[in-house]
Amino acid sequence: MLPMLLDPASARSASALLPLVALCALSLSAVPARAQGADAGSATEQVVDAVCGKRVVVLGELPSHGEARGFQEKARIVERLVGRCGFRAVLFEAPMYDFVGFQKAVDEGTAAQPQLDRSIGRFWWTRELAGWRGWLFREASAGRLVVGGLDDQVSATSEYARATLPGLVAASLSARDASECGEAVARNLGWRYDGAQQFDEAERVRLRRCASLAAAARAGGGRAAETPERAMLESLAGYFARQQDTAAVPDRDLAMYRNFAWQMKRLPRGTKVIVWTATVHAARRQGPLPHEPLGARIAGRWGGRLGVIGFSALAGQSSMAGRPGKPLPELPPGSLEVRAARPDTAWAYVDRTALRRIGSVPSRLLGGFAPADWWRYFDAVLVIREEAAPVFEQWR
């Protein structure tokens, strides 16, 4: 276990002894008490203590989606929130379609670990999370935990989506449209384009029309019509619409919020929910982001019952979805990460009070280095001193 630092009050007391100690005390007192360093275990407990009583907890990560130690810490937090605080659902920034298929398999008693791994997706298909994904599967298959996806995109690992959506679209349409639309959706999701059929504007229009007609055919009937099939078709319609005209359709954060709201309606009343996403989607406010983030939309509904934790790193390596690792960009002087990190500990937990005292400083939390008052965006930030690129597992 790594040693803890002196808190600011202790440092100020020591400053009366020797000039050298006084200098150290001034350095330490520059960061508020709750921004002290912590090892991984105490960092986990600090986060869990802060959000245990919340109804919804959103856990971010750097926009690169490729930091092994952040992944591992988030996994520990999720386990503690489930075991100690009674959270019963985990929703991922991942395509929602294959989670629908996984839940059906759970209900039928046929669910398998690879099905959950494909649902979670390539970003988190890492050796560091293998044991945690196993725990997640056991909890979900036993009915103790609900897992779900929020994204309307279709990923490389979305096998259930590719197998199911073309037929679902076709079955929702008239005989005149069914064949053409089913073929178009299958072609796109399998990316079977060539010289004879290209992914051009005509194809984009066709896909948007087909998915929109199918979603409209499933609409109506109020709460009784809010089926997984309707949710999948509405997500697919938004996904195809955004490929054709990004300005006039729901952005990804809005699409994820709609799927979040759909999931919340389906869960038992009072269910406590964890959202696993990136900080750019987790943030409580829009700020410099191009769209209102998922976290801000959730805050509009859940207010004080929401807890948002941002994750960042001082330095180290990152790797997204199996790509080669590369160093994280160097931080500017005076950044949040520089001010929070300590040379003798791997973690620093910075709560909202400490963030407010630090004031407007740059950070890599949202992907760039623009300064911001980070207490407005997050309830706390966990800074990892030295990140590591994850080891990605082979697809199966």
Foldseek 3Di string as FASTA:
>chain_A
DFDKDDALVVLCVQLVPDVVSVVVSVLRPVFHRQLIFDALVVLLVVVCVVQLQFQEEEEAEFPQLFFLVSVLSVLSNVVCSVPPRPFAEEEEQFAFQLLVVQLVCLVVVNHDLLSQVLRNHLSPQFPSCVVSSVVVVVCVSVPRHRYGYQFLDADPSNPRCLVPVLQLLLVQDDPVLNVVQSVLSNCVNVVVADPVHDPDLVSLVSNLVSLVSSLVSLDDDPPVSLDPSNLNSVSSNQVSVCVNPVVPGDDRQVSSLVVVVSVQVPDPPSRRYYYYYHLCQQWLANPPNPDGHNNVVVCVPRPPSYAYEFEEEQKAWTDGSPHDIDIDDHADPLAPLVSSDDPRYFKTKAALVSLQSSPWFFGCRNPDTGTDSCSNTHRIYMYGYYTYGTHRDDRD
